[in-house]
Amino acid sequence: MNCTIPHRYIASITCTNTNSHLVKEARLSFPSGHASFSAFTMVYFVIYLQVRYKFKTPRLVLPFLQFMCLMMAIYTSFTRIADYKHHWSDVLSGFLLGTIVAILIALSISDLFQHQTKH
């Protein structure tokens, strides 16, 4: 393959690697598991904090904690791209998948939004 020609689209590539483990790992890129898991845990935690955080603290403590949680998930996603483990589309898809699943679980499966009764 001649890669010295700039701006040339390569339509097909034949894999010549004989290591089946490496070939299998290369195919496991979509969607990013790290991005989806970090997005799921942090988005669910942000929702949990919003619903259950009842402490008397200054007004910006809760938004700051939620912002830091989301930044950790975004940082994890960006490191997957920066470390050349995933393409941006794999990470974006994983992040969106984790976010959607966290919202659906918070709204439908968990009991976060049910009114608590006093005994």
PDB file of N, CA and C in Angstrom:
ATOM      1  N   MET A   1       0.846  -1.164   0.000  1.00  0.00           N
ATOM      2  CA  MET A   1       0.000   0.000   0.000  1.00  0.00           C
ATOM      3  C   MET A   1       0.895   1.232   0.000  1.00  0.00           C
ATOM      4  N   ASN A   2       0.598   2.165  -0.848  1.00  0.00           N
ATOM      5  CA  ASN A   2       1.370   3.388  -0.943  1.00  0.00           C
ATOM      6  C   ASN A   2       0.667   4.476  -0.149  1.00  0.00           C
ATOM      7  N   CYS A   3       1.239   4.821   1.002  1.00  0.00           N
ATOM      8  CA  CYS A   3       0.625   5.833   1.867  1.00  0.00           C
ATOM      9  C   CYS A   3       1.281   7.194   1.719  1.00  0.00           C
ATOM     10  N   THR A   4       2.098   7.369   0.729  1.00  0.00           N
ATOM     11  CA  THR A   4       2.805   8.639   0.562  1.00  0.00           C
ATOM     12  C   THR A   4       1.984   9.654  -0.218  1.00  0.00           C
ATOM     13  N   ILE A   5       0.930   9.223  -0.886  1.00  0.00           N
ATOM     14  CA  ILE A   5       0.091  10.142  -1.644  1.00  0.00           C
ATOM     15  C   ILE A   5      -0.900  10.789  -0.679  1.00  0.00           C
ATOM     16  N   PRO A   6      -0.840  12.122  -0.503  1.00  0.00           N
ATOM     17  CA  PRO A   6      -1.747  12.760   0.461  1.00  0.00           C
ATOM     18  C   PRO A   6      -3.176  12.818  -0.065  1.00  0.00           C
ATOM     19  N   HIS A   7      -4.122  12.810   0.844  1.00  0.00           N
ATOM     20  CA  HIS A   7      -5.552  12.960   0.560  1.00  0.00           C
ATOM     21  C   HIS A   7      -6.081  11.870  -0.363  1.00  0.00           C
ATOM     22  N   ARG A   8      -5.556  10.682  -0.229  1.00  0.00           N
ATOM     23  CA  ARG A   8      -6.025   9.572  -1.049  1.00  0.00           C
ATOM     24  C   ARG A   8      -6.908   8.680  -0.194  1.00  0.00           C
ATOM     25  N   TYR A   9      -8.093   8.398  -0.657  1.00  0.00           N
ATOM     26  CA  TYR A   9      -9.027   7.535   0.058  1.00  0.00           C
ATOM     27  C   TYR A   9      -8.680   6.080  -0.236  1.00  0.00           C
ATOM     28  N   ILE A  10      -8.523   5.291   0.822  1.00  0.00           N
ATOM     29  CA  ILE A  10      -8.213   3.871   0.673  1.00  0.00           C
ATOM     30  C   ILE A  10      -9.512   3.107   0.868  1.00  0.00           C
ATOM     31  N   ALA A  11      -9.977   2.441  -0.181  1.00  0.00           N
ATOM     32  CA  ALA A  11     -11.291   1.802  -0.160  1.00  0.00           C
ATOM     33  C   ALA A  11     -11.278   0.461   0.559  1.00  0.00           C
ATOM     34  N   SER A  12     -10.267  -0.323   0.360  1.00  0.00           N
ATOM     35  CA  SER A  12     -10.257  -1.636   1.005  1.00  0.00           C
ATOM     36  C   SER A  12      -8.853  -1.961   1.505  1.00  0.00           C
ATOM     37  N   ILE A  13      -8.824  -2.620   2.657  1.00  0.00           N
ATOM     38  CA  ILE A  13      -7.561  -3.028   3.263  1.00  0.00           C
ATOM     39  C   ILE A  13      -7.687  -4.498   3.619  1.00  0.00           C
ATOM     40  N   THR A  14      -6.713  -5.278   3.256  1.00  0.00           N
ATOM     41  CA  THR A  14      -6.684  -6.686   3.594  1.00  0.00           C
ATOM     42  C   THR A  14      -5.801  -6.874   4.810  1.00  0.00           C
ATOM     43  N   CYS A  15      -6.348  -7.471   5.853  1.00  0.00           N
ATOM     44  CA  CYS A  15      -5.592  -7.697   7.086  1.00  0.00           C
ATOM     45  C   CYS A  15      -4.654  -8.880   6.867  1.00  0.00           C
ATOM     46  N   THR A  16      -3.389  -8.664   7.129  1.00  0.00           N
ATOM     47  CA  THR A  16      -2.396  -9.724   6.963  1.00  0.00           C
ATOM     48  C   THR A  16      -1.877 -10.246   8.294  1.00  0.00           C
ATOM     49  N   ASN A  17      -2.462  -9.801   9.387  1.00  0.00           N
ATOM     50  CA  ASN A  17      -2.024 -10.242  10.705  1.00  0.00           C
ATOM     51  C   ASN A  17      -2.544 -11.657  10.961  1.00  0.00           C
ATOM     52  N   THR A  18      -1.689 -12.522  11.465  1.00  0.00           N
ATOM     53  CA  THR A  18      -2.080 -13.906  11.735  1.00  0.00           C
ATOM     54  C   THR A  18      -2.462 -14.130  13.191  1.00  0.00           C
ATOM     55  N   ASN A  19      -2.305 -13.115  14.038  1.00  0.00           N
ATOM     56  CA  ASN A  19      -2.657 -13.237  15.448  1.00  0.00           C
ATOM     57  C   ASN A  19      -4.160 -13.000  15.591  1.00  0.00           C
ATOM     58  N   SER A  20      -4.902 -14.065  15.824  1.00  0.00           N
ATOM     59  CA  SER A  20      -6.362 -13.959  15.872  1.00  0.00           C
ATOM     60  C   SER A  20      -6.841 -13.140  17.073  1.00  0.00           C
ATOM     61  N   HIS A  21      -6.083 -13.143  18.171  1.00  0.00           N
ATOM     62  CA  HIS A  21      -6.465 -12.354  19.339  1.00  0.00           C
ATOM     63  C   HIS A  21      -6.439 -10.854  19.019  1.00  0.00           C
ATOM     64  N   LEU A  22      -5.405 -10.390  18.339  1.00  0.00           N
ATOM     65  CA  LEU A  22      -5.307  -8.974  17.976  1.00  0.00           C
ATOM     66  C   LEU A  22      -6.393  -8.572  16.982  1.00  0.00           C
ATOM     67  N   VAL A  23      -6.706  -9.456  16.049  1.00  0.00           N
ATOM     68  CA  VAL A  23      -7.757  -9.168  15.073  1.00  0.00           C
ATOM     69  C   VAL A  23      -9.105  -9.072  15.779  1.00  0.00           C
ATOM     70  N   LYS A  24      -9.364  -9.969  16.745  1.00  0.00           N
ATOM     71  CA  LYS A  24     -10.621  -9.919  17.496  1.00  0.00           C
ATOM     72  C   LYS A  24     -10.696  -8.641  18.330  1.00  0.00           C
ATOM     73  N   GLU A  25      -9.617  -8.241  18.970  1.00  0.00           N
ATOM     74  CA  GLU A  25      -9.607  -7.016  19.771  1.00  0.00           C
ATOM     75  C   GLU A  25      -9.854  -5.781  18.912  1.00  0.00           C
ATOM     76  N   ALA A  26      -9.354  -5.789  17.685  1.00  0.00           N
ATOM     77  CA  ALA A  26      -9.558  -4.651  16.789  1.00  0.00           C
ATOM     78  C   ALA A  26     -11.022  -4.509  16.394  1.00  0.00           C
ATOM     79  N   ARG A  27     -11.743  -5.595  16.373  1.00  0.00           N
ATOM     80  CA  ARG A  27     -13.158  -5.557  15.995  1.00  0.00           C
ATOM     81  C   ARG A  27     -14.075  -5.210  17.161  1.00  0.00           C
ATOM     82  N   LEU A  28     -13.554  -5.148  18.371  1.00  0.00           N
ATOM     83  CA  LEU A  28     -14.371  -4.865  19.544  1.00  0.00           C
ATOM     84  C   LEU A  28     -14.426  -3.380  19.881  1.00  0.00           C
ATOM     85  N   SER A  29     -14.134  -2.538  18.947  1.00  0.00           N
ATOM     86  CA  SER A  29     -14.022  -1.113  19.209  1.00  0.00           C
ATOM     87  C   SER A  29     -15.369  -0.416  19.350  1.00  0.00           C
ATOM     88  N   PHE A  30     -16.413  -0.906  18.706  1.00  0.00           N
ATOM     89  CA  PHE A  30     -17.681  -0.185  18.664  1.00  0.00           C
ATOM     90  C   PHE A  30     -18.739  -0.861  19.496  1.00  0.00           C
ATOM     91  N   PRO A  31     -19.455  -0.176  20.333  1.00  0.00           N
ATOM     92  CA  PRO A  31     -19.160   1.129  20.905  1.00  0.00           C
ATOM     93  C   PRO A  31     -18.152   0.994  22.033  1.00  0.00           C
ATOM     94  N   SER A  32     -17.622   2.085  22.467  1.00  0.00           N
ATOM     95  CA  SER A  32     -16.608   2.063  23.518  1.00  0.00           C
ATOM     96  C   SER A  32     -17.238   1.663  24.845  1.00  0.00           C
ATOM     97  N   GLY A  33     -16.749   0.584  25.413  1.00  0.00           N
ATOM     98  CA  GLY A  33     -17.252   0.114  26.690  1.00  0.00           C
ATOM     99  C   GLY A  33     -16.880   1.038  27.833  1.00  0.00           C
ATOM    100  N   HIS A  34     -15.660   1.595  27.768  1.00  0.00           N
ATOM    101  CA  HIS A  34     -15.240   2.528  28.820  1.00  0.00           C
ATOM    102  C   HIS A  34     -16.116   3.778  28.818  1.00  0.00           C
ATOM    103  N   ALA A  35     -16.391   4.304  27.639  1.00  0.00           N
ATOM    104  CA  ALA A  35     -17.213   5.512  27.544  1.00  0.00           C
ATOM    105  C   ALA A  35     -18.647   5.238  27.984  1.00  0.00           C
ATOM    106  N   SER A  36     -19.192   4.102  27.589  1.00  0.00           N
ATOM    107  CA  SER A  36     -20.578   3.821  27.966  1.00  0.00           C
ATOM    108  C   SER A  36     -20.704   3.551  29.463  1.00  0.00           C
ATOM    109  N   PHE A  37     -19.748   2.840  30.051  1.00  0.00           N
ATOM    110  CA  PHE A  37     -19.830   2.560  31.480  1.00  0.00           C
ATOM    111  C   PHE A  37     -19.615   3.824  32.309  1.00  0.00           C
ATOM    112  N   SER A  38     -18.644   4.644  31.925  1.00  0.00           N
ATOM    113  CA  SER A  38     -18.407   5.867  32.691  1.00  0.00           C
ATOM    114  C   SER A  38     -19.575   6.832  32.542  1.00  0.00           C
ATOM    115  N   ALA A  39     -20.157   6.923  31.352  1.00  0.00           N
ATOM    116  CA  ALA A  39     -21.324   7.794  31.159  1.00  0.00           C
ATOM    117  C   ALA A  39     -22.505   7.278  31.964  1.00  0.00           C
ATOM    118  N   PHE A  40     -22.728   5.964  31.944  1.00  0.00           N
ATOM    119  CA  PHE A  40     -23.841   5.402  32.704  1.00  0.00           C
ATOM    120  C   PHE A  40     -23.698   5.695  34.191  1.00  0.00           C
ATOM    121  N   THR A  41     -22.535   5.389  34.750  1.00  0.00           N
ATOM    122  CA  THR A  41     -22.373   5.551  36.198  1.00  0.00           C
ATOM    123  C   THR A  41     -22.472   7.009  36.613  1.00  0.00           C
ATOM    124  N   MET A  42     -21.853   7.892  35.860  1.00  0.00           N
ATOM    125  CA  MET A  42     -21.851   9.297  36.271  1.00  0.00           C
ATOM    126  C   MET A  42     -23.188   9.977  36.008  1.00  0.00           C
ATOM    127  N   VAL A  43     -23.852   9.675  34.919  1.00  0.00           N
ATOM    128  CA  VAL A  43     -25.166  10.288  34.662  1.00  0.00           C
ATOM    129  C   VAL A  43     -26.177   9.782  35.687  1.00  0.00           C
ATOM    130  N   TYR A  44     -26.136   8.497  36.000  1.00  0.00           N
ATOM    131  CA  TYR A  44     -27.046   7.980  37.018  1.00  0.00           C
ATOM    132  C   TYR A  44     -26.742   8.613  38.374  1.00  0.00           C
ATOM    133  N   PHE A  45     -25.464   8.788  38.686  1.00  0.00           N
ATOM    134  CA  PHE A  45     -25.090   9.407  39.957  1.00  0.00           C
ATOM    135  C   PHE A  45     -25.533  10.872  40.012  1.00  0.00           C
ATOM    136  N   VAL A  46     -25.448  11.575  38.899  1.00  0.00           N
ATOM    137  CA  VAL A  46     -25.912  12.960  38.833  1.00  0.00           C
ATOM    138  C   VAL A  46     -27.422  13.023  39.089  1.00  0.00           C
ATOM    139  N   ILE A  47     -28.172  12.115  38.472  1.00  0.00           N
ATOM    140  CA  ILE A  47     -29.616  12.067  38.696  1.00  0.00           C
ATOM    141  C   ILE A  47     -29.905  11.703  40.153  1.00  0.00           C
ATOM    142  N   TYR A  48     -29.163  10.750  40.681  1.00  0.00           N
ATOM    143  CA  TYR A  48     -29.345  10.341  42.072  1.00  0.00           C
ATOM    144  C   TYR A  48     -29.093  11.512  43.023  1.00  0.00           C
ATOM    145  N   LEU A  49     -28.017  12.240  42.777  1.00  0.00           N
ATOM    146  CA  LEU A  49     -27.728  13.395  43.622  1.00  0.00           C
ATOM    147  C   LEU A  49     -28.836  14.445  43.527  1.00  0.00           C
ATOM    148  N   GLN A  50     -29.361  14.668  42.345  1.00  0.00           N
ATOM    149  CA  GLN A  50     -30.406  15.667  42.149  1.00  0.00           C
ATOM    150  C   GLN A  50     -31.665  15.319  42.947  1.00  0.00           C
ATOM    151  N   VAL A  51     -31.990  14.041  42.979  1.00  0.00           N
ATOM    152  CA  VAL A  51     -33.224  13.623  43.638  1.00  0.00           C
ATOM    153  C   VAL A  51     -33.043  13.459  45.147  1.00  0.00           C
ATOM    154  N   ARG A  52     -31.918  12.876  45.556  1.00  0.00           N
ATOM    155  CA  ARG A  52     -31.770  12.490  46.958  1.00  0.00           C
ATOM    156  C   ARG A  52     -30.923  13.417  47.819  1.00  0.00           C
ATOM    157  N   TYR A  53     -30.233  14.365  47.253  1.00  0.00           N
ATOM    158  CA  TYR A  53     -29.350  15.245  48.018  1.00  0.00           C
ATOM    159  C   TYR A  53     -30.195  16.273  48.754  1.00  0.00           C
ATOM    160  N   LYS A  54     -30.279  16.140  50.062  1.00  0.00           N
ATOM    161  CA  LYS A  54     -31.155  17.012  50.856  1.00  0.00           C
ATOM    162  C   LYS A  54     -30.408  17.769  51.953  1.00  0.00           C
ATOM    163  N   PHE A  55     -29.086  17.828  51.889  1.00  0.00           N
ATOM    164  CA  PHE A  55     -28.308  18.482  52.934  1.00  0.00           C
ATOM    165  C   PHE A  55     -28.369  19.999  52.783  1.00  0.00           C
ATOM    166  N   LYS A  56     -28.241  20.678  53.892  1.00  0.00           N
ATOM    167  CA  LYS A  56     -28.194  22.142  53.885  1.00  0.00           C
ATOM    168  C   LYS A  56     -26.758  22.572  53.615  1.00  0.00           C
ATOM    169  N   THR A  57     -26.475  22.886  52.381  1.00  0.00           N
ATOM    170  CA  THR A  57     -25.141  23.337  51.978  1.00  0.00           C
ATOM    171  C   THR A  57     -25.292  24.585  51.120  1.00  0.00           C
ATOM    172  N   PRO A  58     -24.198  25.262  50.846  1.00  0.00           N
ATOM    173  CA  PRO A  58     -24.301  26.399  49.915  1.00  0.00           C
ATOM    174  C   PRO A  58     -24.891  25.966  48.577  1.00  0.00           C
ATOM    175  N   ARG A  59     -25.476  26.913  47.888  1.00  0.00           N
ATOM    176  CA  ARG A  59     -26.264  26.645  46.698  1.00  0.00           C
ATOM    177  C   ARG A  59     -25.487  25.984  45.557  1.00  0.00           C
ATOM    178  N   LEU A  60     -24.212  26.237  45.452  1.00  0.00           N
ATOM    179  CA  LEU A  60     -23.447  25.735  44.314  1.00  0.00           C
ATOM    180  C   LEU A  60     -22.743  24.403  44.565  1.00  0.00           C
ATOM    181  N   VAL A  61     -22.915  23.823  45.735  1.00  0.00           N
ATOM    182  CA  VAL A  61     -22.224  22.558  46.025  1.00  0.00           C
ATOM    183  C   VAL A  61     -22.772  21.431  45.149  1.00  0.00           C
ATOM    184  N   LEU A  62     -24.087  21.290  45.092  1.00  0.00           N
ATOM    185  CA  LEU A  62     -24.674  20.220  44.292  1.00  0.00           C
ATOM    186  C   LEU A  62     -24.357  20.363  42.798  1.00  0.00           C
ATOM    187  N   PRO A  63     -24.549  21.528  42.175  1.00  0.00           N
ATOM    188  CA  PRO A  63     -24.176  21.640  40.760  1.00  0.00           C
ATOM    189  C   PRO A  63     -22.684  21.402  40.517  1.00  0.00           C
ATOM    190  N   PHE A  64     -21.842  21.808  41.461  1.00  0.00           N
ATOM    191  CA  PHE A  64     -20.410  21.573  41.307  1.00  0.00           C
ATOM    192  C   PHE A  64     -20.099  20.077  41.346  1.00  0.00           C
ATOM    193  N   LEU A  65     -20.696  19.347  42.277  1.00  0.00           N
ATOM    194  CA  LEU A  65     -20.488  17.897  42.341  1.00  0.00           C
ATOM    195  C   LEU A  65     -20.982  17.206  41.071  1.00  0.00           C
ATOM    196  N   GLN A  66     -22.136  17.630  40.588  1.00  0.00           N
ATOM    197  CA  GLN A  66     -22.672  17.043  39.363  1.00  0.00           C
ATOM    198  C   GLN A  66     -21.788  17.357  38.163  1.00  0.00           C
ATOM    199  N   PHE A  67     -21.302  18.580  38.100  1.00  0.00           N
ATOM    200  CA  PHE A  67     -20.414  18.974  37.003  1.00  0.00           C
ATOM    201  C   PHE A  67     -19.127  18.151  37.029  1.00  0.00           C
ATOM    202  N   MET A  68     -18.562  17.955  38.209  1.00  0.00           N
ATOM    203  CA  MET A  68     -17.319  17.182  38.325  1.00  0.00           C
ATOM    204  C   MET A  68     -17.543  15.724  37.912  1.00  0.00           C
ATOM    205  N   CYS A  69     -18.680  15.169  38.254  1.00  0.00           N
ATOM    206  CA  CYS A  69     -18.988  13.795  37.849  1.00  0.00           C
ATOM    207  C   CYS A  69     -19.067  13.676  36.327  1.00  0.00           C
ATOM    208  N   LEU A  70     -19.748  14.616  35.710  1.00  0.00           N
ATOM    209  CA  LEU A  70     -19.844  14.582  34.245  1.00  0.00           C
ATOM    210  C   LEU A  70     -18.493  14.816  33.589  1.00  0.00           C
ATOM    211  N   MET A  71     -17.671  15.672  34.183  1.00  0.00           N
ATOM    212  CA  MET A  71     -16.334  15.912  33.629  1.00  0.00           C
ATOM    213  C   MET A  71     -15.450  14.670  33.722  1.00  0.00           C
ATOM    214  N   MET A  72     -15.610  13.893  34.769  1.00  0.00           N
ATOM    215  CA  MET A  72     -14.849  12.639  34.869  1.00  0.00           C
ATOM    216  C   MET A  72     -15.245  11.670  33.764  1.00  0.00           C
ATOM    217  N   ALA A  73     -16.540  11.595  33.461  1.00  0.00           N
ATOM    218  CA  ALA A  73     -16.996  10.716  32.389  1.00  0.00           C
ATOM    219  C   ALA A  73     -16.494  11.207  31.035  1.00  0.00           C
ATOM    220  N   ILE A  74     -16.536  12.507  30.824  1.00  0.00           N
ATOM    221  CA  ILE A  74     -16.048  13.062  29.551  1.00  0.00           C
ATOM    222  C   ILE A  74     -14.543  12.883  29.434  1.00  0.00           C
ATOM    223  N   TYR A  75     -13.825  13.059  30.535  1.00  0.00           N
ATOM    224  CA  TYR A  75     -12.371  12.854  30.531  1.00  0.00           C
ATOM    225  C   TYR A  75     -12.033  11.407  30.171  1.00  0.00           C
ATOM    226  N   THR A  76     -12.759  10.467  30.746  1.00  0.00           N
ATOM    227  CA  THR A  76     -12.534   9.057  30.419  1.00  0.00           C
ATOM    228  C   THR A  76     -12.769   8.815  28.935  1.00  0.00           C
ATOM    229  N   SER A  77     -13.803   9.415  28.401  1.00  0.00           N
ATOM    230  CA  SER A  77     -14.097   9.243  26.975  1.00  0.00           C
ATOM    231  C   SER A  77     -13.003   9.840  26.105  1.00  0.00           C
ATOM    232  N   PHE A  78     -12.541  11.030  26.454  1.00  0.00           N
ATOM    233  CA  PHE A  78     -11.482  11.662  25.660  1.00  0.00           C
ATOM    234  C   PHE A  78     -10.170  10.893  25.732  1.00  0.00           C
ATOM    235  N   THR A  79      -9.873  10.282  26.871  1.00  0.00           N
ATOM    236  CA  THR A  79      -8.622   9.520  26.957  1.00  0.00           C
ATOM    237  C   THR A  79      -8.655   8.298  26.063  1.00  0.00           C
ATOM    238  N   ARG A  80      -9.823   7.744  25.815  1.00  0.00           N
ATOM    239  CA  ARG A  80      -9.912   6.597  24.903  1.00  0.00           C
ATOM    240  C   ARG A  80      -9.541   7.015  23.480  1.00  0.00           C
ATOM    241  N   ILE A  81      -9.906   8.240  23.119  1.00  0.00           N
ATOM    242  CA  ILE A  81      -9.535   8.751  21.790  1.00  0.00           C
ATOM    243  C   ILE A  81      -8.066   9.129  21.764  1.00  0.00           C
ATOM    244  N   ALA A  82      -7.597   9.804  22.809  1.00  0.00           N
ATOM    245  CA  ALA A  82      -6.213  10.272  22.851  1.00  0.00           C
ATOM    246  C   ALA A  82      -5.216   9.115  22.903  1.00  0.00           C
ATOM    247  N   ASP A  83      -5.613   8.002  23.510  1.00  0.00           N
ATOM    248  CA  ASP A  83      -4.734   6.836  23.595  1.00  0.00           C
ATOM    249  C   ASP A  83      -4.840   5.940  22.365  1.00  0.00           C
ATOM    250  N   TYR A  84      -5.589   6.375  21.364  1.00  0.00           N
ATOM    251  CA  TYR A  84      -5.787   5.637  20.113  1.00  0.00           C
ATOM    252  C   TYR A  84      -6.396   4.255  20.342  1.00  0.00           C
ATOM    253  N   LYS A  85      -7.299   4.155  21.312  1.00  0.00           N
ATOM    254  CA  LYS A  85      -8.002   2.897  21.562  1.00  0.00           C
ATOM    255  C   LYS A  85      -9.314   2.835  20.795  1.00  0.00           C
ATOM    256  N   HIS A  86      -9.917   4.007  20.531  1.00  0.00           N
ATOM    257  CA  HIS A  86     -11.192   4.067  19.830  1.00  0.00           C
ATOM    258  C   HIS A  86     -11.212   5.274  18.903  1.00  0.00           C
ATOM    259  N   HIS A  87     -12.086   5.202  17.923  1.00  0.00           N
ATOM    260  CA  HIS A  87     -12.379   6.357  17.081  1.00  0.00           C
ATOM    261  C   HIS A  87     -13.381   7.236  17.823  1.00  0.00           C
ATOM    262  N   TRP A  88     -13.494   8.496  17.391  1.00  0.00           N
ATOM    263  CA  TRP A  88     -14.408   9.419  18.057  1.00  0.00           C
ATOM    264  C   TRP A  88     -15.846   8.932  17.972  1.00  0.00           C
ATOM    265  N   SER A  89     -16.193   8.285  16.870  1.00  0.00           N
ATOM    266  CA  SER A  89     -17.566   7.806  16.710  1.00  0.00           C
ATOM    267  C   SER A  89     -17.867   6.653  17.670  1.00  0.00           C
ATOM    268  N   ASP A  90     -16.886   5.808  17.953  1.00  0.00           N
ATOM    269  CA  ASP A  90     -17.072   4.730  18.925  1.00  0.00           C
ATOM    270  C   ASP A  90     -17.320   5.299  20.317  1.00  0.00           C
ATOM    271  N   VAL A  91     -16.551   6.314  20.671  1.00  0.00           N
ATOM    272  CA  VAL A  91     -16.675   6.930  21.990  1.00  0.00           C
ATOM    273  C   VAL A  91     -17.991   7.690  22.111  1.00  0.00           C
ATOM    274  N   LEU A  92     -18.356   8.427  21.091  1.00  0.00           N
ATOM    275  CA  LEU A  92     -19.622   9.165  21.119  1.00  0.00           C
ATOM    276  C   LEU A  92     -20.803   8.208  21.229  1.00  0.00           C
ATOM    277  N   SER A  93     -20.772   7.129  20.468  1.00  0.00           N
ATOM    278  CA  SER A  93     -21.854   6.143  20.534  1.00  0.00           C
ATOM    279  C   SER A  93     -21.924   5.494  21.910  1.00  0.00           C
ATOM    280  N   GLY A  94     -20.777   5.145  22.465  1.00  0.00           N
ATOM    281  CA  GLY A  94     -20.761   4.558  23.801  1.00  0.00           C
ATOM    282  C   GLY A  94     -21.256   5.526  24.853  1.00  0.00           C
ATOM    283  N   PHE A  95     -20.848   6.795  24.749  1.00  0.00           N
ATOM    284  CA  PHE A  95     -21.277   7.805  25.712  1.00  0.00           C
ATOM    285  C   PHE A  95     -22.786   8.015  25.636  1.00  0.00           C
ATOM    286  N   LEU A  96     -23.317   8.104  24.428  1.00  0.00           N
ATOM    287  CA  LEU A  96     -24.762   8.278  24.267  1.00  0.00           C
ATOM    288  C   LEU A  96     -25.531   7.051  24.751  1.00  0.00           C
ATOM    289  N   LEU A  97     -25.004   5.868  24.489  1.00  0.00           N
ATOM    290  CA  LEU A  97     -25.640   4.646  24.947  1.00  0.00           C
ATOM    291  C   LEU A  97     -25.705   4.598  26.473  1.00  0.00           C
ATOM    292  N   GLY A  98     -24.592   4.906  27.129  1.00  0.00           N
ATOM    293  CA  GLY A  98     -24.573   4.915  28.587  1.00  0.00           C
ATOM    294  C   GLY A  98     -25.499   5.960  29.172  1.00  0.00           C
ATOM    295  N   THR A  99     -25.546   7.132  28.554  1.00  0.00           N
ATOM    296  CA  THR A  99     -26.419   8.203  29.031  1.00  0.00           C
ATOM    297  C   THR A  99     -27.887   7.824  28.899  1.00  0.00           C
ATOM    298  N   ILE A 100     -28.268   7.281  27.766  1.00  0.00           N
ATOM    299  CA  ILE A 100     -29.664   6.896  27.530  1.00  0.00           C
ATOM    300  C   ILE A 100     -30.091   5.788  28.485  1.00  0.00           C
ATOM    301  N   VAL A 101     -29.222   4.807  28.688  1.00  0.00           N
ATOM    302  CA  VAL A 101     -29.559   3.707  29.593  1.00  0.00           C
ATOM    303  C   VAL A 101     -29.688   4.216  31.032  1.00  0.00           C
ATOM    304  N   ALA A 102     -28.807   5.120  31.451  1.00  0.00           N
ATOM    305  CA  ALA A 102     -28.889   5.674  32.808  1.00  0.00           C
ATOM    306  C   ALA A 102     -30.190   6.435  33.012  1.00  0.00           C
ATOM    307  N   ILE A 103     -30.584   7.232  32.032  1.00  0.00           N
ATOM    308  CA  ILE A 103     -31.841   7.988  32.149  1.00  0.00           C
ATOM    309  C   ILE A 103     -33.036   7.048  32.168  1.00  0.00           C
ATOM    310  N   LEU A 104     -33.030   6.038  31.305  1.00  0.00           N
ATOM    311  CA  LEU A 104     -34.147   5.093  31.271  1.00  0.00           C
ATOM    312  C   LEU A 104     -34.257   4.308  32.574  1.00  0.00           C
ATOM    313  N   ILE A 105     -33.141   3.878  33.123  1.00  0.00           N
ATOM    314  CA  ILE A 105     -33.174   3.141  34.385  1.00  0.00           C
ATOM    315  C   ILE A 105     -33.637   4.047  35.517  1.00  0.00           C
ATOM    316  N   ALA A 106     -33.156   5.283  35.535  1.00  0.00           N
ATOM    317  CA  ALA A 106     -33.567   6.206  36.598  1.00  0.00           C
ATOM    318  C   ALA A 106     -35.060   6.505  36.533  1.00  0.00           C
ATOM    319  N   LEU A 107     -35.600   6.604  35.344  1.00  0.00           N
ATOM    320  CA  LEU A 107     -37.012   6.950  35.192  1.00  0.00           C
ATOM    321  C   LEU A 107     -37.954   5.762  35.325  1.00  0.00           C
ATOM    322  N   SER A 108     -37.524   4.576  34.877  1.00  0.00           N
ATOM    323  CA  SER A 108     -38.479   3.475  34.811  1.00  0.00           C
ATOM    324  C   SER A 108     -38.216   2.348  35.799  1.00  0.00           C
ATOM    325  N   ILE A 109     -36.978   2.005  36.053  1.00  0.00           N
ATOM    326  CA  ILE A 109     -36.701   0.836  36.877  1.00  0.00           C
ATOM    327  C   ILE A 109     -36.460   1.200  38.335  1.00  0.00           C
ATOM    328  N   SER A 110     -35.665   2.211  38.581  1.00  0.00           N
ATOM    329  CA  SER A 110     -35.361   2.568  39.968  1.00  0.00           C
ATOM    330  C   SER A 110     -36.543   3.309  40.590  1.00  0.00           C
ATOM    331  N   ASP A 111     -36.502   3.436  41.886  1.00  0.00           N
ATOM    332  CA  ASP A 111     -37.587   4.127  42.584  1.00  0.00           C
ATOM    333  C   ASP A 111     -37.161   5.520  43.042  1.00  0.00           C
ATOM    334  N   LEU A 112     -36.320   6.164  42.279  1.00  0.00           N
ATOM    335  CA  LEU A 112     -35.817   7.476  42.666  1.00  0.00           C
ATOM    336  C   LEU A 112     -36.908   8.538  42.704  1.00  0.00           C
ATOM    337  N   PHE A 113     -37.837   8.473  41.800  1.00  0.00           N
ATOM    338  CA  PHE A 113     -38.822   9.526  41.662  1.00  0.00           C
ATOM    339  C   PHE A 113     -40.157   9.226  42.340  1.00  0.00           C
ATOM    340  N   GLN A 114     -40.233   8.133  43.055  1.00  0.00           N
ATOM    341  CA  GLN A 114     -41.454   7.822  43.786  1.00  0.00           C
ATOM    342  C   GLN A 114     -41.472   8.617  45.083  1.00  0.00           C
ATOM    343  N   HIS A 115     -42.637   9.073  45.470  1.00  0.00           N
ATOM    344  CA  HIS A 115     -42.745   9.850  46.693  1.00  0.00           C
ATOM    345  C   HIS A 115     -42.514   8.959  47.894  1.00  0.00           C
ATOM    346  N   GLN A 116     -41.704   9.437  48.794  1.00  0.00           N
ATOM    347  CA  GLN A 116     -41.433   8.682  50.008  1.00  0.00           C
ATOM    348  C   GLN A 116     -42.525   8.971  51.028  1.00  0.00           C
ATOM    349  N   THR A 117     -43.063   7.942  51.625  1.00  0.00           N
ATOM    350  CA  THR A 117     -44.090   8.123  52.642  1.00  0.00           C
ATOM    351  C   THR A 117     -43.463   8.069  54.019  1.00  0.00           C
ATOM    352  N   LYS A 118     -43.962   8.881  54.926  1.00  0.00           N
ATOM    353  CA  LYS A 118     -43.455   8.886  56.292  1.00  0.00           C
ATOM    354  C   LYS A 118     -44.249   7.895  57.121  1.00  0.00           C
ATOM    355  N   HIS A 119     -43.548   7.169  57.940  1.00  0.00           N
ATOM    356  CA  HIS A 119     -44.200   6.182  58.807  1.00  0.00           C
ATOM    357  C   HIS A 119     -44.526   6.780  60.135  1.00  0.00           C
TER     358      HIS A 119
END
